[in-house]
């Protein structure tokens, strides 16, 4: 009896420790990613002053700007922290905390890009913090999938396969038709592309993080599994697509508009994808489900105008 109690306590301690490690990494990630938007926007503005071909017109002159590479480095550090966070905490916790990067971006944009926050913008920042806090308190505290073999079964299920196919079809439609036709007039076109592709990036990061944990712990060499390499290829491809079209959005529209809309769409699709793949909400009590939903709605109603 005592050994069973001790084992339960150890599992609880492990889960709690992993939860807070993931929480800390997610928060630090938001700081780096929020700052990266401002740094890259500065590079795009500088390119316009020099008369170079803009990113929205298909130009890649920003690659010659060291400021843009500094922004990319900041985003890389943030995404790396985010990637590791997915290995320790549920996606429904890590992804909503990305809203904090909107807060960081809004504050820095006000200071360095002269995109001033009005009263509604400041109220939006407050809602962002409150919503994130509520989500942290009520998010799932347990792993949704315990091993790579379990994940393989879930990835093959019709619901997730259908979601992936829908994302691929929508992405190709935007790249070849809706983007060239409406991308410069409607802010949602490229952001929808980045958000949908981003949701697949997060699922792949979660799977890759699980593979790394198994390999490091000595349970199994996950790199001998075909699914691990699918995750690696998916992460690389999806990030390249996101970077390209996010640069187009930043070049066309203000950072204080792009960032919040992007994270609203991105977070919504990630939670949908996570619910389809991991079904983590099934393990939550009615109280936690209601609390997490309220927090989710609260920070999704905190649009930050310029």
Protein backbone atom coordinates (compact mmCIF):
# COMPACT_ATOMS: atom_id res chain seq x y z
CA UNK A 1 0.00 0.00 0.00
CA UNK A 2 2.78 2.39 0.95
CA UNK A 3 4.75 1.59 -2.22
CA UNK A 4 1.67 2.38 -4.34
CA UNK A 5 1.25 5.71 -2.56
CA UNK A 6 4.94 6.52 -3.05
CA UNK A 7 4.69 5.69 -6.78
CA UNK A 8 1.64 7.95 -7.14
CA UNK A 9 3.46 10.80 -5.39
CA UNK A 10 6.48 10.39 -7.68
CA UNK A 11 4.29 10.50 -10.79
CA UNK A 12 2.50 13.60 -9.52
CA UNK A 13 5.84 15.27 -8.74
CA UNK A 14 7.14 14.44 -12.22
CA UNK A 15 4.01 15.77 -13.93
CA UNK A 16 4.05 18.98 -11.88
CA UNK A 17 7.75 19.55 -12.54
CA UNK A 18 7.31 18.98 -16.28
CA UNK A 19 4.32 21.31 -16.29
CA UNK A 20 6.25 24.21 -14.75
CA UNK A 21 9.29 23.64 -16.97
CA UNK A 22 7.01 23.83 -20.00
CA UNK A 23 5.30 26.91 -18.56
CA UNK A 24 8.60 28.76 -18.01
CA UNK A 25 9.87 27.91 -21.48
CA UNK A 26 6.59 29.04 -23.08
CA UNK A 27 6.70 32.41 -21.33
CA UNK A 28 10.36 33.05 -22.25
CA UNK A 29 9.56 32.01 -25.83
CA UNK A 30 6.88 34.70 -26.04
CA UNK A 31 9.40 37.39 -25.13
CA UNK A 32 11.84 36.43 -27.87
CA UNK A 33 9.15 35.93 -30.54
CA UNK A 34 7.39 39.20 -29.68
CA UNK A 35 10.68 41.10 -30.01
CA UNK A 36 11.48 39.35 -33.31
CA UNK A 37 8.43 40.88 -35.02
CA UNK A 38 9.63 44.39 -34.17
CA UNK A 39 13.23 43.73 -35.25
CA UNK A 40 12.18 42.25 -38.59
CA UNK A 41 9.72 45.06 -39.19
CA UNK A 42 12.56 47.58 -38.66
CA UNK A 43 14.57 45.75 -41.33
CA UNK A 44 11.63 45.84 -43.78
CA UNK A 45 11.14 49.57 -43.17
CA UNK A 46 14.85 50.18 -43.75
CA UNK A 47 14.66 48.24 -47.02
CA UNK A 48 11.79 50.46 -48.20
CA UNK A 49 13.89 53.57 -47.52
CA UNK A 50 16.67 52.20 -49.70
CA UNK A 51 14.16 51.61 -52.52
CA UNK A 52 14.64 47.84 -52.60
CA UNK A 53 12.03 45.41 -53.92
CA UNK A 54 9.54 44.86 -51.12
CA UNK A 55 8.82 41.43 -49.62
CA UNK A 56 5.14 41.81 -50.51
CA UNK A 57 6.18 42.07 -54.18
CA UNK A 58 8.27 38.92 -54.02
CA UNK A 59 11.59 40.57 -53.15
CA UNK A 60 14.17 39.05 -50.80
CA UNK A 61 16.32 42.15 -50.24
CA UNK A 62 15.72 41.85 -46.50
CA UNK A 63 18.14 38.91 -46.51
CA UNK A 64 20.97 41.45 -46.94
CA UNK A 65 19.93 43.34 -43.79
CA UNK A 66 21.72 42.26 -40.61
CA UNK A 67 18.80 43.63 -38.58
CA UNK A 68 16.47 41.11 -40.22
CA UNK A 69 18.87 38.29 -39.35
CA UNK A 70 18.93 39.53 -35.74
CA UNK A 71 15.14 39.29 -35.76
CA UNK A 72 15.35 35.81 -37.23
CA UNK A 73 17.81 34.81 -34.49
CA UNK A 74 15.44 36.14 -31.83
CA UNK A 75 12.58 34.19 -33.39
CA UNK A 76 14.78 31.09 -33.62
CA UNK A 77 15.59 31.25 -29.91
CA UNK A 78 11.93 31.76 -29.11
CA UNK A 79 10.80 28.90 -31.33
CA UNK A 80 13.49 26.62 -29.85
CA UNK A 81 12.21 27.37 -26.34
CA UNK A 82 8.68 26.82 -27.60
CA UNK A 83 9.67 23.53 -29.19
CA UNK A 84 11.16 22.23 -25.94
CA UNK A 85 8.08 23.47 -24.04
CA UNK A 86 5.87 21.19 -26.16
CA UNK A 87 7.90 18.22 -24.92
CA UNK A 88 7.03 19.05 -21.29
CA UNK A 89 3.54 20.57 -21.35
CA UNK A 90 0.27 20.11 -23.28
CA UNK A 91 -0.19 22.07 -26.51
CA UNK A 92 -3.37 23.61 -25.10
CA UNK A 93 -1.20 25.34 -22.47
CA UNK A 94 1.87 26.26 -24.52
CA UNK A 95 0.12 27.67 -27.59
CA UNK A 96 -2.27 30.14 -25.86
CA UNK A 97 0.69 31.59 -23.97
CA UNK A 98 1.92 32.76 -27.36
CA UNK A 99 -0.58 35.58 -26.81
CA UNK A 100 1.97 37.10 -24.46
CA UNK A 101 4.19 37.73 -27.48
CA UNK A 102 1.40 39.99 -28.76
CA UNK A 103 1.73 42.00 -25.55
CA UNK A 104 5.51 42.22 -25.94
CA UNK A 105 5.15 43.17 -29.60
CA UNK A 106 2.54 45.85 -28.85
CA UNK A 107 4.67 47.49 -26.17
CA UNK A 108 7.83 47.44 -28.30
CA UNK A 109 5.95 48.65 -31.40
CA UNK A 110 4.69 51.61 -29.41
CA UNK A 111 8.23 52.46 -28.32
CA UNK A 112 10.29 51.73 -31.44
CA UNK A 113 7.86 51.91 -34.39
CA UNK A 114 5.67 54.79 -33.21
CA UNK A 115 2.57 52.57 -33.45
CA UNK A 116 0.82 54.09 -30.45
CA UNK A 117 -1.57 52.15 -28.22
CA UNK A 118 -4.85 53.86 -27.41
CA UNK A 119 -7.09 53.08 -24.41
CA UNK A 120 -8.62 50.05 -26.11
CA UNK A 121 -5.16 48.73 -26.92
CA UNK A 122 -4.10 49.00 -23.28
CA UNK A 123 -7.28 47.24 -22.19
CA UNK A 124 -6.47 44.56 -24.75
CA UNK A 125 -3.05 44.03 -23.17
CA UNK A 126 -4.71 43.59 -19.77
CA UNK A 127 -7.17 41.05 -21.19
CA UNK A 128 -4.24 39.23 -22.78
CA UNK A 129 -2.57 38.79 -19.37
CA UNK A 130 -5.81 37.80 -17.61
CA UNK A 131 -6.75 35.29 -20.30
CA UNK A 132 -3.31 33.66 -20.25
CA UNK A 133 -3.40 33.40 -16.45
CA UNK A 134 -6.80 31.69 -16.51
CA UNK A 135 -5.62 29.23 -19.16
CA UNK A 136 -2.52 28.35 -17.11
CA UNK A 137 -4.67 27.64 -14.04
CA UNK A 138 -7.14 25.41 -15.89
CA UNK A 139 -5.09 23.76 -18.64
CA UNK A 140 -4.42 19.96 -18.72
CA UNK A 141 -1.63 18.94 -16.34
CA UNK A 142 -1.02 15.49 -17.83
CA UNK A 143 0.65 14.17 -20.97
CA UNK A 144 -1.86 13.39 -23.72
CA UNK A 145 0.37 10.72 -25.36
CA UNK A 146 2.94 8.67 -23.50
CA UNK A 147 5.02 7.21 -26.35
CA UNK A 148 5.78 7.53 -30.04
CA UNK A 149 3.98 4.25 -30.74
CA UNK A 150 0.78 5.73 -29.28
CA UNK A 151 1.23 8.83 -31.42
CA UNK A 152 1.56 6.76 -34.60
CA UNK A 153 -1.90 5.30 -33.95
CA UNK A 154 -3.41 8.76 -33.41
CA UNK A 155 -1.76 10.29 -36.50
CA UNK A 156 -3.36 7.63 -38.69
CA UNK A 157 -6.89 8.30 -37.44
CA UNK A 158 -9.33 9.66 -40.08
CA UNK A 159 -10.05 12.88 -38.17
CA UNK A 160 -6.44 14.08 -38.14
CA UNK A 161 -5.71 12.86 -41.69
CA UNK A 162 -8.73 14.86 -42.89
CA UNK A 163 -7.50 17.96 -41.06
CA UNK A 164 -4.05 17.71 -42.67
CA UNK A 165 -5.58 17.33 -46.14
CA UNK A 166 -7.82 20.38 -45.59
CA UNK A 167 -4.80 22.46 -44.53
CA UNK A 168 -2.80 21.37 -47.58
CA UNK A 169 -5.67 22.20 -49.97
CA UNK A 170 -6.26 25.62 -48.36
CA UNK A 171 -2.53 26.41 -48.40
CA UNK A 172 -2.13 25.59 -52.08
CA UNK A 173 -5.28 27.59 -52.92
CA UNK A 174 -3.90 30.68 -51.16
CA UNK A 175 -0.41 30.34 -52.69
CA UNK A 176 -1.61 29.99 -56.27
CA UNK A 177 -4.92 31.90 -56.35
CA UNK A 178 -6.18 33.85 -53.33
CA UNK A 179 -2.76 35.24 -52.33
CA UNK A 180 -1.89 36.91 -55.66
CA UNK A 181 -5.49 38.09 -56.11
CA UNK A 182 -6.40 39.38 -52.62
CA UNK A 183 -3.29 39.19 -50.40
CA UNK A 184 -2.39 42.88 -50.69
CA UNK A 185 -5.90 44.09 -49.84
CA UNK A 186 -7.03 41.62 -47.17
CA UNK A 187 -4.87 40.99 -44.10
CA UNK A 188 -6.52 37.62 -43.40
CA UNK A 189 -5.32 35.92 -46.61
CA UNK A 190 -1.65 35.39 -45.74
CA UNK A 191 -2.35 35.16 -42.01
CA UNK A 192 -4.78 32.28 -42.60
CA UNK A 193 -2.06 30.50 -44.57
CA UNK A 194 0.55 31.04 -41.83
CA UNK A 195 -1.88 29.99 -39.09
CA UNK A 196 -3.05 26.78 -40.73
CA UNK A 197 0.48 25.72 -41.66
CA UNK A 198 1.60 26.76 -38.16
CA UNK A 199 -0.90 24.37 -36.56
CA UNK A 200 0.80 21.48 -38.38
CA UNK A 201 4.19 22.82 -37.24
CA UNK A 202 3.07 22.66 -33.61
CA UNK A 203 1.76 19.10 -33.93
CA UNK A 204 5.04 18.05 -35.55
CA UNK A 205 7.04 19.82 -32.81
CA UNK A 206 5.03 18.01 -30.16
CA UNK A 207 5.74 14.67 -31.83
CA UNK A 208 9.41 15.48 -32.37
CA UNK A 209 9.75 16.57 -28.75
CA UNK A 210 8.27 13.25 -27.63
CA UNK A 211 10.72 11.40 -29.88
CA UNK A 212 13.67 13.29 -28.38
CA UNK A 213 12.48 12.55 -24.82
CA UNK A 214 12.29 8.83 -25.60
CA UNK A 215 15.75 8.84 -27.19
CA UNK A 216 17.41 10.81 -24.37
CA UNK A 217 15.77 8.68 -21.66
CA UNK A 218 17.09 5.53 -23.37
CA UNK A 219 13.66 3.96 -23.86
CA UNK A 220 14.00 3.74 -27.62
CA UNK A 221 16.00 5.16 -30.51
CA UNK A 222 13.21 7.28 -31.96
CA UNK A 223 15.33 8.25 -34.98
CA UNK A 224 14.96 4.69 -36.24
CA UNK A 225 11.25 5.38 -36.56
CA UNK A 226 9.95 6.75 -39.87
CA UNK A 227 7.50 9.06 -38.12
CA UNK A 228 10.33 11.03 -36.49
CA UNK A 229 11.77 11.93 -39.90
CA UNK A 230 8.31 12.89 -41.15
CA UNK A 231 8.08 15.29 -38.21
CA UNK A 232 11.53 16.78 -38.94
CA UNK A 233 10.72 17.33 -42.63
CA UNK A 234 7.31 18.76 -41.75
CA UNK A 235 8.78 21.25 -39.24
CA UNK A 236 11.41 22.50 -41.70
CA UNK A 237 8.97 22.86 -44.61
CA UNK A 238 6.20 24.49 -42.55
CA UNK A 239 8.55 27.01 -40.92
CA UNK A 240 9.93 28.04 -44.33
CA UNK A 241 6.40 28.64 -45.64
CA UNK A 242 5.40 30.55 -42.49
CA UNK A 243 8.47 32.79 -42.61
CA UNK A 244 7.94 33.72 -46.25
CA UNK A 245 4.28 34.66 -45.97
CA UNK A 246 4.57 36.26 -42.54
CA UNK A 247 7.19 38.59 -44.03
CA UNK A 248 4.68 39.51 -46.74
CA UNK A 249 2.07 40.36 -44.11
CA UNK A 250 4.51 42.43 -42.05
CA UNK A 251 5.57 44.33 -45.16
CA UNK A 252 1.98 45.15 -46.12
CA UNK A 253 0.37 45.87 -42.74
CA UNK A 254 1.30 47.35 -39.35
CA UNK A 255 2.87 45.04 -36.76
CA UNK A 256 0.26 46.02 -34.18
CA UNK A 257 -2.43 44.67 -36.53
CA UNK A 258 -0.65 41.61 -37.93
CA UNK A 259 0.56 40.18 -34.62
CA UNK A 260 -2.74 39.93 -32.71
CA UNK A 261 -4.74 38.67 -35.69
CA UNK A 262 -2.06 36.11 -36.45
CA UNK A 263 -2.05 34.73 -32.91
CA UNK A 264 -5.84 34.62 -32.69
CA UNK A 265 -6.02 32.55 -35.90
CA UNK A 266 -2.90 30.53 -35.09
CA UNK A 267 -3.95 29.63 -31.55
CA UNK A 268 -7.48 28.73 -32.61
CA UNK A 269 -6.24 26.32 -35.27
CA UNK A 270 -3.59 24.81 -32.99
CA UNK A 271 -6.17 24.06 -30.30
CA UNK A 272 -8.48 22.54 -32.92
CA UNK A 273 -5.64 20.38 -34.30
CA UNK A 274 -4.56 19.40 -30.79
CA UNK A 275 -8.12 18.45 -29.83
CA UNK A 276 -8.41 16.29 -32.96
CA UNK A 277 -5.02 14.59 -32.55
CA UNK A 278 -4.47 14.32 -28.79
CA UNK A 279 -8.04 14.64 -27.41
CA UNK A 280 -6.53 16.15 -24.27
CA UNK A 281 -9.82 17.81 -23.30
CA UNK A 282 -11.31 14.40 -22.50
CA UNK A 283 -9.09 14.14 -19.40
CA UNK A 284 -10.15 17.51 -17.99
CA UNK A 285 -12.90 18.13 -15.44
CA UNK A 286 -15.94 20.22 -16.38
CA UNK A 287 -14.60 23.05 -14.19
CA UNK A 288 -11.21 23.13 -15.91
CA UNK A 289 -12.79 22.87 -19.37
CA UNK A 290 -15.06 25.84 -18.62
CA UNK A 291 -12.18 27.84 -17.08
CA UNK A 292 -9.82 27.19 -20.01
CA UNK A 293 -12.57 28.09 -22.49
CA UNK A 294 -13.26 31.38 -20.68
CA UNK A 295 -9.56 32.23 -20.67
CA UNK A 296 -9.31 31.36 -24.35
CA UNK A 297 -12.27 33.62 -25.22
CA UNK A 298 -10.99 36.41 -22.99
CA UNK A 299 -7.62 36.82 -24.70
CA UNK A 300 -9.14 36.25 -28.14
CA UNK A 301 -11.26 39.36 -27.56
CA UNK A 302 -8.25 41.56 -26.83
CA UNK A 303 -7.61 42.91 -30.35
CA UNK A 304 -4.85 45.53 -30.14
CA UNK A 305 -5.40 48.41 -32.57
CA UNK A 306 -2.69 50.76 -33.68
